[in-house]
PDB file of N, CA and C in Angstrom:
ATOM      1  N   MET A   1      90.947  17.515  -2.905  1.00  0.00           N
ATOM      2  CA  MET A   1      90.897  16.205  -2.276  1.00  0.00           C
ATOM      3  C   MET A   1      90.772  15.165  -3.387  1.00  0.00           C
ATOM      4  N   LEU A   2      91.454  14.074  -3.231  1.00  0.00           N
ATOM      5  CA  LEU A   2      91.401  12.968  -4.185  1.00  0.00           C
ATOM      6  C   LEU A   2      90.739  11.773  -3.510  1.00  0.00           C
ATOM      7  N   TYR A   3      89.718  11.234  -4.145  1.00  0.00           N
ATOM      8  CA  TYR A   3      89.049  10.029  -3.660  1.00  0.00           C
ATOM      9  C   TYR A   3      89.314   8.920  -4.666  1.00  0.00           C
ATOM     10  N   ILE A   4      89.647   7.745  -4.177  1.00  0.00           N
ATOM     11  CA  ILE A   4      89.861   6.589  -5.045  1.00  0.00           C
ATOM     12  C   ILE A   4      88.847   5.529  -4.657  1.00  0.00           C
ATOM     13  N   MET A   5      88.130   5.044  -5.656  1.00  0.00           N
ATOM     14  CA  MET A   5      87.084   4.050  -5.412  1.00  0.00           C
ATOM     15  C   MET A   5      87.332   2.830  -6.308  1.00  0.00           C
ATOM     16  N   ARG A   6      87.136   1.687  -5.766  1.00  0.00           N
ATOM     17  CA  ARG A   6      87.248   0.447  -6.527  1.00  0.00           C
ATOM     18  C   ARG A   6      85.914   0.179  -7.200  1.00  0.00           C
ATOM     19  N   HIS A   7      85.960  -0.519  -8.316  1.00  0.00           N
ATOM     20  CA  HIS A   7      84.725  -0.883  -9.012  1.00  0.00           C
ATOM     21  C   HIS A   7      83.879  -1.824  -8.163  1.00  0.00           C
ATOM     22  N   GLY A   8      82.594  -1.927  -8.513  1.00  0.00           N
ATOM     23  CA  GLY A   8      81.689  -2.840  -7.819  1.00  0.00           C
ATOM     24  C   GLY A   8      82.007  -4.299  -8.141  1.00  0.00           C
ATOM     25  N   ARG A   9      81.319  -5.197  -7.488  1.00  0.00           N
ATOM     26  CA  ARG A   9      81.567  -6.643  -7.591  1.00  0.00           C
ATOM     27  C   ARG A   9      81.199  -7.200  -8.973  1.00  0.00           C
ATOM     28  N   THR A  10      81.976  -8.173  -9.401  1.00  0.00           N
ATOM     29  CA  THR A  10      81.720  -8.917 -10.646  1.00  0.00           C
ATOM     30  C   THR A  10      81.547 -10.392 -10.293  1.00  0.00           C
ATOM     31  N   ASP A  11      81.090 -11.172 -11.259  1.00  0.00           N
ATOM     32  CA  ASP A  11      80.975 -12.617 -11.023  1.00  0.00           C
ATOM     33  C   ASP A  11      82.350 -13.238 -10.767  1.00  0.00           C
ATOM     34  N   TRP A  12      83.369 -12.700 -11.396  1.00  0.00           N
ATOM     35  CA  TRP A  12      84.720 -13.223 -11.164  1.00  0.00           C
ATOM     36  C   TRP A  12      85.204 -12.900  -9.757  1.00  0.00           C
ATOM     37  N   ASN A  13      84.807 -11.759  -9.189  1.00  0.00           N
ATOM     38  CA  ASN A  13      85.156 -11.466  -7.795  1.00  0.00           C
ATOM     39  C   ASN A  13      84.554 -12.517  -6.881  1.00  0.00           C
ATOM     40  N   VAL A  14      83.307 -12.851  -7.139  1.00  0.00           N
ATOM     41  CA  VAL A  14      82.603 -13.835  -6.317  1.00  0.00           C
ATOM     42  C   VAL A  14      83.311 -15.191  -6.378  1.00  0.00           C
ATOM     43  N   ARG A  15      83.810 -15.537  -7.567  1.00  0.00           N
ATOM     44  CA  ARG A  15      84.471 -16.828  -7.770  1.00  0.00           C
ATOM     45  C   ARG A  15      85.966 -16.774  -7.469  1.00  0.00           C
ATOM     46  N   HIS A  16      86.457 -15.630  -6.978  1.00  0.00           N
ATOM     47  CA  HIS A  16      87.873 -15.439  -6.640  1.00  0.00           C
ATOM     48  C   HIS A  16      88.782 -15.686  -7.844  1.00  0.00           C
ATOM     49  N   LYS A  17      88.356 -15.187  -9.008  1.00  0.00           N
ATOM     50  CA  LYS A  17      89.164 -15.302 -10.221  1.00  0.00           C
ATOM     51  C   LYS A  17      89.986 -14.040 -10.408  1.00  0.00           C
ATOM     52  N   LEU A  18      91.191 -14.198 -10.882  1.00  0.00           N
ATOM     53  CA  LEU A  18      92.059 -13.075 -11.185  1.00  0.00           C
ATOM     54  C   LEU A  18      91.551 -12.394 -12.459  1.00  0.00           C
ATOM     55  N   GLN A  19      91.181 -11.110 -12.356  1.00  0.00           N
ATOM     56  CA  GLN A  19      90.579 -10.408 -13.496  1.00  0.00           C
ATOM     57  C   GLN A  19      91.592  -9.688 -14.363  1.00  0.00           C
ATOM     58  N   GLY A  20      92.431  -8.870 -13.770  1.00  0.00           N
ATOM     59  CA  GLY A  20      93.381  -8.101 -14.557  1.00  0.00           C
ATOM     60  C   GLY A  20      92.673  -7.270 -15.615  1.00  0.00           C
ATOM     61  N   ARG A  21      93.114  -7.397 -16.856  1.00  0.00           N
ATOM     62  CA  ARG A  21      92.530  -6.619 -17.958  1.00  0.00           C
ATOM     63  C   ARG A  21      91.377  -7.326 -18.650  1.00  0.00           C
ATOM     64  N   THR A  22      91.027  -8.519 -18.213  1.00  0.00           N
ATOM     65  CA  THR A  22      89.876  -9.191 -18.796  1.00  0.00           C
ATOM     66  C   THR A  22      88.645  -8.350 -18.478  1.00  0.00           C
ATOM     67  N   ASP A  23      87.866  -8.034 -19.501  1.00  0.00           N
ATOM     68  CA  ASP A  23      86.785  -7.049 -19.369  1.00  0.00           C
ATOM     69  C   ASP A  23      85.498  -7.696 -18.859  1.00  0.00           C
ATOM     70  N   ILE A  24      85.423  -7.908 -17.560  1.00  0.00           N
ATOM     71  CA  ILE A  24      84.273  -8.540 -16.908  1.00  0.00           C
ATOM     72  C   ILE A  24      83.328  -7.439 -16.412  1.00  0.00           C
ATOM     73  N   PRO A  25      82.026  -7.525 -16.753  1.00  0.00           N
ATOM     74  CA  PRO A  25      81.072  -6.493 -16.304  1.00  0.00           C
ATOM     75  C   PRO A  25      80.674  -6.681 -14.842  1.00  0.00           C
ATOM     76  N   LEU A  26      80.060  -5.648 -14.295  1.00  0.00           N
ATOM     77  CA  LEU A  26      79.503  -5.737 -12.949  1.00  0.00           C
ATOM     78  C   LEU A  26      78.360  -6.743 -12.924  1.00  0.00           C
ATOM     79  N   ASN A  27      78.143  -7.361 -11.775  1.00  0.00           N
ATOM     80  CA  ASN A  27      76.931  -8.149 -11.583  1.00  0.00           C
ATOM     81  C   ASN A  27      75.919  -7.265 -10.840  1.00  0.00           C
ATOM     82  N   ASP A  28      74.761  -7.816 -10.524  1.00  0.00           N
ATOM     83  CA  ASP A  28      73.721  -7.010  -9.872  1.00  0.00           C
ATOM     84  C   ASP A  28      74.191  -6.440  -8.536  1.00  0.00           C
ATOM     85  N   GLU A  29      74.941  -7.233  -7.772  1.00  0.00           N
ATOM     86  CA  GLU A  29      75.453  -6.733  -6.495  1.00  0.00           C
ATOM     87  C   GLU A  29      76.431  -5.581  -6.719  1.00  0.00           C
ATOM     88  N   GLY A  30      77.249  -5.668  -7.755  1.00  0.00           N
ATOM     89  CA  GLY A  30      78.185  -4.598  -8.081  1.00  0.00           C
ATOM     90  C   GLY A  30      77.479  -3.311  -8.461  1.00  0.00           C
ATOM     91  N   ARG A  31      76.367  -3.432  -9.177  1.00  0.00           N
ATOM     92  CA  ARG A  31      75.573  -2.245  -9.524  1.00  0.00           C
ATOM     93  C   ARG A  31      74.976  -1.608  -8.267  1.00  0.00           C
ATOM     94  N   MET A  32      74.531  -2.440  -7.340  1.00  0.00           N
ATOM     95  CA  MET A  32      74.002  -1.912  -6.078  1.00  0.00           C
ATOM     96  C   MET A  32      75.105  -1.238  -5.271  1.00  0.00           C
ATOM     97  N   MET A  33      76.316  -1.790  -5.314  1.00  0.00           N
ATOM     98  CA  MET A  33      77.448  -1.197  -4.603  1.00  0.00           C
ATOM     99  C   MET A  33      77.758   0.195  -5.163  1.00  0.00           C
ATOM    100  N   ALA A  34      77.720   0.336  -6.483  1.00  0.00           N
ATOM    101  CA  ALA A  34      77.988   1.635  -7.115  1.00  0.00           C
ATOM    102  C   ALA A  34      76.904   2.640  -6.728  1.00  0.00           C
ATOM    103  N   ALA A  35      75.660   2.196  -6.715  1.00  0.00           N
ATOM    104  CA  ALA A  35      74.557   3.077  -6.320  1.00  0.00           C
ATOM    105  C   ALA A  35      74.719   3.509  -4.866  1.00  0.00           C
ATOM    106  N   GLU A  36      75.093   2.589  -4.012  1.00  0.00           N
ATOM    107  CA  GLU A  36      75.289   2.901  -2.593  1.00  0.00           C
ATOM    108  C   GLU A  36      76.427   3.901  -2.402  1.00  0.00           C
ATOM    109  N   ALA A  37      77.494   3.760  -3.178  1.00  0.00           N
ATOM    110  CA  ALA A  37      78.612   4.711  -3.086  1.00  0.00           C
ATOM    111  C   ALA A  37      78.132   6.113  -3.449  1.00  0.00           C
ATOM    112  N   GLY A  38      77.294   6.216  -4.475  1.00  0.00           N
ATOM    113  CA  GLY A  38      76.737   7.515  -4.849  1.00  0.00           C
ATOM    114  C   GLY A  38      75.950   8.137  -3.704  1.00  0.00           C
ATOM    115  N   LYS A  39      75.210   7.308  -2.979  1.00  0.00           N
ATOM    116  CA  LYS A  39      74.443   7.800  -1.827  1.00  0.00           C
ATOM    117  C   LYS A  39      75.371   8.213  -0.684  1.00  0.00           C
ATOM    118  N   GLN A  40      76.374   7.386  -0.399  1.00  0.00           N
ATOM    119  CA  GLN A  40      77.279   7.664   0.714  1.00  0.00           C
ATOM    120  C   GLN A  40      78.068   8.953   0.524  1.00  0.00           C
ATOM    121  N   TYR A  41      78.365   9.293  -0.720  1.00  0.00           N
ATOM    122  CA  TYR A  41      79.132  10.499  -1.011  1.00  0.00           C
ATOM    123  C   TYR A  41      78.247  11.640  -1.499  1.00  0.00           C
ATOM    124  N   SER A  42      76.971  11.581  -1.204  1.00  0.00           N
ATOM    125  CA  SER A  42      76.024  12.572  -1.724  1.00  0.00           C
ATOM    126  C   SER A  42      76.302  13.987  -1.234  1.00  0.00           C
ATOM    127  N   ASP A  43      76.935  14.139  -0.093  1.00  0.00           N
ATOM    128  CA  ASP A  43      77.207  15.476   0.446  1.00  0.00           C
ATOM    129  C   ASP A  43      78.533  16.065  -0.034  1.00  0.00           C
ATOM    130  N   ILE A  44      79.273  15.305  -0.826  1.00  0.00           N
ATOM    131  CA  ILE A  44      80.587  15.768  -1.282  1.00  0.00           C
ATOM    132  C   ILE A  44      80.505  16.141  -2.762  1.00  0.00           C
ATOM    133  N   HIS A  45      81.003  17.329  -3.097  1.00  0.00           N
ATOM    134  CA  HIS A  45      81.021  17.768  -4.491  1.00  0.00           C
ATOM    135  C   HIS A  45      82.265  17.223  -5.191  1.00  0.00           C
ATOM    136  N   PHE A  46      82.079  16.617  -6.335  1.00  0.00           N
ATOM    137  CA  PHE A  46      83.175  16.140  -7.166  1.00  0.00           C
ATOM    138  C   PHE A  46      83.162  16.927  -8.467  1.00  0.00           C
ATOM    139  N   ASP A  47      84.295  17.504  -8.826  1.00  0.00           N
ATOM    140  CA  ASP A  47      84.376  18.229 -10.089  1.00  0.00           C
ATOM    141  C   ASP A  47      84.424  17.269 -11.272  1.00  0.00           C
ATOM    142  N   GLU A  48      85.185  16.195 -11.103  1.00  0.00           N
ATOM    143  CA  GLU A  48      85.345  15.232 -12.184  1.00  0.00           C
ATOM    144  C   GLU A  48      85.510  13.827 -11.617  1.00  0.00           C
ATOM    145  N   CYS A  49      85.237  12.857 -12.472  1.00  0.00           N
ATOM    146  CA  CYS A  49      85.392  11.448 -12.121  1.00  0.00           C
ATOM    147  C   CYS A  49      86.146  10.785 -13.275  1.00  0.00           C
ATOM    148  N   TYR A  50      87.210  10.065 -12.960  1.00  0.00           N
ATOM    149  CA  TYR A  50      87.991   9.357 -13.972  1.00  0.00           C
ATOM    150  C   TYR A  50      87.917   7.867 -13.716  1.00  0.00           C
ATOM    151  N   SER A  51      87.942   7.101 -14.806  1.00  0.00           N
ATOM    152  CA  SER A  51      87.780   5.666 -14.706  1.00  0.00           C
ATOM    153  C   SER A  51      88.665   4.953 -15.717  1.00  0.00           C
ATOM    154  N   SER A  52      89.006   3.735 -15.386  1.00  0.00           N
ATOM    155  CA  SER A  52      89.606   2.817 -16.343  1.00  0.00           C
ATOM    156  C   SER A  52      88.602   2.625 -17.486  1.00  0.00           C
ATOM    157  N   PRO A  53      89.061   2.276 -18.679  1.00  0.00           N
ATOM    158  CA  PRO A  53      88.141   2.032 -19.786  1.00  0.00           C
ATOM    159  C   PRO A  53      87.441   0.668 -19.738  1.00  0.00           C
ATOM    160  N   LEU A  54      87.763  -0.173 -18.753  1.00  0.00           N
ATOM    161  CA  LEU A  54      87.123  -1.483 -18.686  1.00  0.00           C
ATOM    162  C   LEU A  54      85.683  -1.354 -18.192  1.00  0.00           C
ATOM    163  N   ALA A  55      84.826  -2.260 -18.649  1.00  0.00           N
ATOM    164  CA  ALA A  55      83.377  -2.189 -18.401  1.00  0.00           C
ATOM    165  C   ALA A  55      83.024  -2.066 -16.925  1.00  0.00           C
ATOM    166  N   ARG A  56      83.654  -2.851 -16.064  1.00  0.00           N
ATOM    167  CA  ARG A  56      83.285  -2.831 -14.647  1.00  0.00           C
ATOM    168  C   ARG A  56      83.592  -1.485 -14.007  1.00  0.00           C
ATOM    169  N   ALA A  57      84.694  -0.880 -14.376  1.00  0.00           N
ATOM    170  CA  ALA A  57      85.067   0.423 -13.829  1.00  0.00           C
ATOM    171  C   ALA A  57      84.199   1.530 -14.433  1.00  0.00           C
ATOM    172  N   LYS A  58      83.965   1.461 -15.745  1.00  0.00           N
ATOM    173  CA  LYS A  58      83.136   2.478 -16.400  1.00  0.00           C
ATOM    174  C   LYS A  58      81.718   2.461 -15.860  1.00  0.00           C
ATOM    175  N   GLU A  59      81.152   1.269 -15.687  1.00  0.00           N
ATOM    176  CA  GLU A  59      79.784   1.177 -15.189  1.00  0.00           C
ATOM    177  C   GLU A  59      79.681   1.718 -13.758  1.00  0.00           C
ATOM    178  N   THR A  60      80.683   1.429 -12.932  1.00  0.00           N
ATOM    179  CA  THR A  60      80.704   1.968 -11.572  1.00  0.00           C
ATOM    180  C   THR A  60      80.774   3.497 -11.627  1.00  0.00           C
ATOM    181  N   ALA A  61      81.659   4.035 -12.447  1.00  0.00           N
ATOM    182  CA  ALA A  61      81.812   5.486 -12.557  1.00  0.00           C
ATOM    183  C   ALA A  61      80.566   6.144 -13.141  1.00  0.00           C
ATOM    184  N   GLU A  62      79.950   5.509 -14.134  1.00  0.00           N
ATOM    185  CA  GLU A  62      78.731   6.069 -14.739  1.00  0.00           C
ATOM    186  C   GLU A  62      77.614   6.150 -13.717  1.00  0.00           C
ATOM    187  N   ASP A  63      77.394   5.064 -12.984  1.00  0.00           N
ATOM    188  CA  ASP A  63      76.329   5.045 -11.980  1.00  0.00           C
ATOM    189  C   ASP A  63      76.605   6.082 -10.904  1.00  0.00           C
ATOM    190  N   PHE A  64      77.838   6.108 -10.409  1.00  0.00           N
ATOM    191  CA  PHE A  64      78.225   7.068  -9.384  1.00  0.00           C
ATOM    192  C   PHE A  64      78.019   8.499  -9.891  1.00  0.00           C
ATOM    193  N   SER A  65      78.485   8.785 -11.093  1.00  0.00           N
ATOM    194  CA  SER A  65      78.381  10.132 -11.666  1.00  0.00           C
ATOM    195  C   SER A  65      76.938  10.555 -11.889  1.00  0.00           C
ATOM    196  N   GLN A  66      76.104   9.648 -12.350  1.00  0.00           N
ATOM    197  CA  GLN A  66      74.690   9.975 -12.562  1.00  0.00           C
ATOM    198  C   GLN A  66      74.015  10.329 -11.253  1.00  0.00           C
ATOM    199  N   ARG A  67      74.344   9.640 -10.205  1.00  0.00           N
ATOM    200  CA  ARG A  67      73.732   9.932  -8.905  1.00  0.00           C
ATOM    201  C   ARG A  67      74.252  11.252  -8.332  1.00  0.00           C
ATOM    202  N   LYS A  68      75.458  11.622  -8.685  1.00  0.00           N
ATOM    203  CA  LYS A  68      76.018  12.883  -8.212  1.00  0.00           C
ATOM    204  C   LYS A  68      75.478  14.060  -9.026  1.00  0.00           C
ATOM    205  N   ARG A  69      75.080  13.838 -10.230  1.00  0.00           N
ATOM    206  CA  ARG A  69      74.478  14.820 -11.149  1.00  0.00           C
ATOM    207  C   ARG A  69      75.376  15.981 -11.532  1.00  0.00           C
ATOM    208  N   SER A  70      76.346  16.319 -10.744  1.00  0.00           N
ATOM    209  CA  SER A  70      77.217  17.448 -11.084  1.00  0.00           C
ATOM    210  C   SER A  70      78.613  16.977 -11.483  1.00  0.00           C
ATOM    211  N   THR A  71      78.796  15.686 -11.529  1.00  0.00           N
ATOM    212  CA  THR A  71      80.122  15.138 -11.771  1.00  0.00           C
ATOM    213  C   THR A  71      80.305  14.772 -13.237  1.00  0.00           C
ATOM    214  N   LEU A  72      81.391  15.244 -13.843  1.00  0.00           N
ATOM    215  CA  LEU A  72      81.744  14.826 -15.192  1.00  0.00           C
ATOM    216  C   LEU A  72      82.432  13.477 -15.105  1.00  0.00           C
ATOM    217  N   TYR A  73      82.171  12.614 -16.069  1.00  0.00           N
ATOM    218  CA  TYR A  73      82.725  11.267 -16.064  1.00  0.00           C
ATOM    219  C   TYR A  73      83.617  11.092 -17.296  1.00  0.00           C
ATOM    220  N   ASN A  74      84.843  10.634 -17.100  1.00  0.00           N
ATOM    221  CA  ASN A  74      85.811  10.448 -18.180  1.00  0.00           C
ATOM    222  C   ASN A  74      86.529   9.117 -18.016  1.00  0.00           C
ATOM    223  N   THR A  75      86.863   8.485 -19.141  1.00  0.00           N
ATOM    224  CA  THR A  75      87.745   7.314 -19.061  1.00  0.00           C
ATOM    225  C   THR A  75      89.153   7.766 -19.408  1.00  0.00           C
ATOM    226  N   ASP A  76      90.120   7.059 -18.860  1.00  0.00           N
ATOM    227  CA  ASP A  76      91.513   7.383 -19.107  1.00  0.00           C
ATOM    228  C   ASP A  76      92.280   6.062 -19.219  1.00  0.00           C
ATOM    229  N   ASP A  77      92.867   5.818 -20.382  1.00  0.00           N
ATOM    230  CA  ASP A  77      93.584   4.568 -20.622  1.00  0.00           C
ATOM    231  C   ASP A  77      94.746   4.355 -19.655  1.00  0.00           C
ATOM    232  N   ARG A  78      95.243   5.425 -19.072  1.00  0.00           N
ATOM    233  CA  ARG A  78      96.344   5.286 -18.110  1.00  0.00           C
ATOM    234  C   ARG A  78      95.898   4.605 -16.823  1.00  0.00           C
ATOM    235  N   LEU A  79      94.582   4.483 -16.619  1.00  0.00           N
ATOM    236  CA  LEU A  79      94.054   3.856 -15.404  1.00  0.00           C
ATOM    237  C   LEU A  79      93.677   2.387 -15.610  1.00  0.00           C
ATOM    238  N   VAL A  80      94.003   1.845 -16.778  1.00  0.00           N
ATOM    239  CA  VAL A  80      93.641   0.454 -17.055  1.00  0.00           C
ATOM    240  C   VAL A  80      94.329  -0.471 -16.047  1.00  0.00           C
ATOM    241  N   GLU A  81      93.651  -1.544 -15.702  1.00  0.00           N
ATOM    242  CA  GLU A  81      94.146  -2.492 -14.718  1.00  0.00           C
ATOM    243  C   GLU A  81      95.419  -3.188 -15.214  1.00  0.00           C
ATOM    244  N   MET A  82      96.191  -3.727 -14.278  1.00  0.00           N
ATOM    245  CA  MET A  82      97.383  -4.491 -14.643  1.00  0.00           C
ATOM    246  C   MET A  82      96.960  -5.744 -15.395  1.00  0.00           C
ATOM    247  N   GLY A  83      97.749  -6.137 -16.364  1.00  0.00           N
ATOM    248  CA  GLY A  83      97.501  -7.379 -17.090  1.00  0.00           C
ATOM    249  C   GLY A  83      98.280  -8.521 -16.464  1.00  0.00           C
ATOM    250  N   PHE A  84      97.638  -9.681 -16.360  1.00  0.00           N
ATOM    251  CA  PHE A  84      98.296 -10.849 -15.776  1.00  0.00           C
ATOM    252  C   PHE A  84      98.435 -11.996 -16.772  1.00  0.00           C
ATOM    253  N   GLY A  85      98.227 -11.690 -18.058  1.00  0.00           N
ATOM    254  CA  GLY A  85      98.437 -12.674 -19.119  1.00  0.00           C
ATOM    255  C   GLY A  85      97.667 -13.961 -18.915  1.00  0.00           C
ATOM    256  N   VAL A  86      98.365 -15.079 -19.048  1.00  0.00           N
ATOM    257  CA  VAL A  86      97.724 -16.394 -18.987  1.00  0.00           C
ATOM    258  C   VAL A  86      97.122 -16.693 -17.613  1.00  0.00           C
ATOM    259  N   TYR A  87      97.462 -15.912 -16.608  1.00  0.00           N
ATOM    260  CA  TYR A  87      96.946 -16.145 -15.263  1.00  0.00           C
ATOM    261  C   TYR A  87      95.550 -15.555 -15.045  1.00  0.00           C
ATOM    262  N   GLU A  88      95.112 -14.695 -15.949  1.00  0.00           N
ATOM    263  CA  GLU A  88      93.773 -14.117 -15.802  1.00  0.00           C
ATOM    264  C   GLU A  88      92.727 -15.215 -15.961  1.00  0.00           C
ATOM    265  N   GLY A  89      91.771 -15.222 -15.071  1.00  0.00           N
ATOM    266  CA  GLY A  89      90.724 -16.234 -15.083  1.00  0.00           C
ATOM    267  C   GLY A  89      90.999 -17.411 -14.173  1.00  0.00           C
ATOM    268  N   ILE A  90      92.211 -17.485 -13.636  1.00  0.00           N
ATOM    269  CA  ILE A  90      92.545 -18.569 -12.712  1.00  0.00           C
ATOM    270  C   ILE A  90      91.869 -18.284 -11.373  1.00  0.00           C
ATOM    271  N   GLU A  91      91.264 -19.328 -10.800  1.00  0.00           N
ATOM    272  CA  GLU A  91      90.594 -19.168  -9.515  1.00  0.00           C
ATOM    273  C   GLU A  91      91.592 -19.273  -8.375  1.00  0.00           C
ATOM    274  N   ASN A  92      91.419 -18.368  -7.427  1.00  0.00           N
ATOM    275  CA  ASN A  92      92.193 -18.347  -6.191  1.00  0.00           C
ATOM    276  C   ASN A  92      91.397 -19.099  -5.132  1.00  0.00           C
ATOM    277  N   SER A  93      91.974 -20.041  -4.462  1.00  0.00           N
ATOM    278  CA  SER A  93      91.184 -20.761  -3.453  1.00  0.00           C
ATOM    279  C   SER A  93      91.324 -20.202  -2.082  1.00  0.00           C
TER     280      SER A  93
END
């Protein structure tokens, strides 16, 4: 079975900014979201966990993996987010 999870919330998510490859970390709410995901999936065994190398995705995967205790955590450059060039950081209204 393959599960796909999005990273937790960042300050740019709150402000409706286009993130792309800009390396924005999780905010406190995003960390709580990652912790909650670990709890929600506590009954499911994961052999491995893969993540984008960006901070927000890695932090989500690290928190999730630590709560699972049996899950290996790896980054993979092939999972990096799409780049939007000069449009990154622009607010969406």
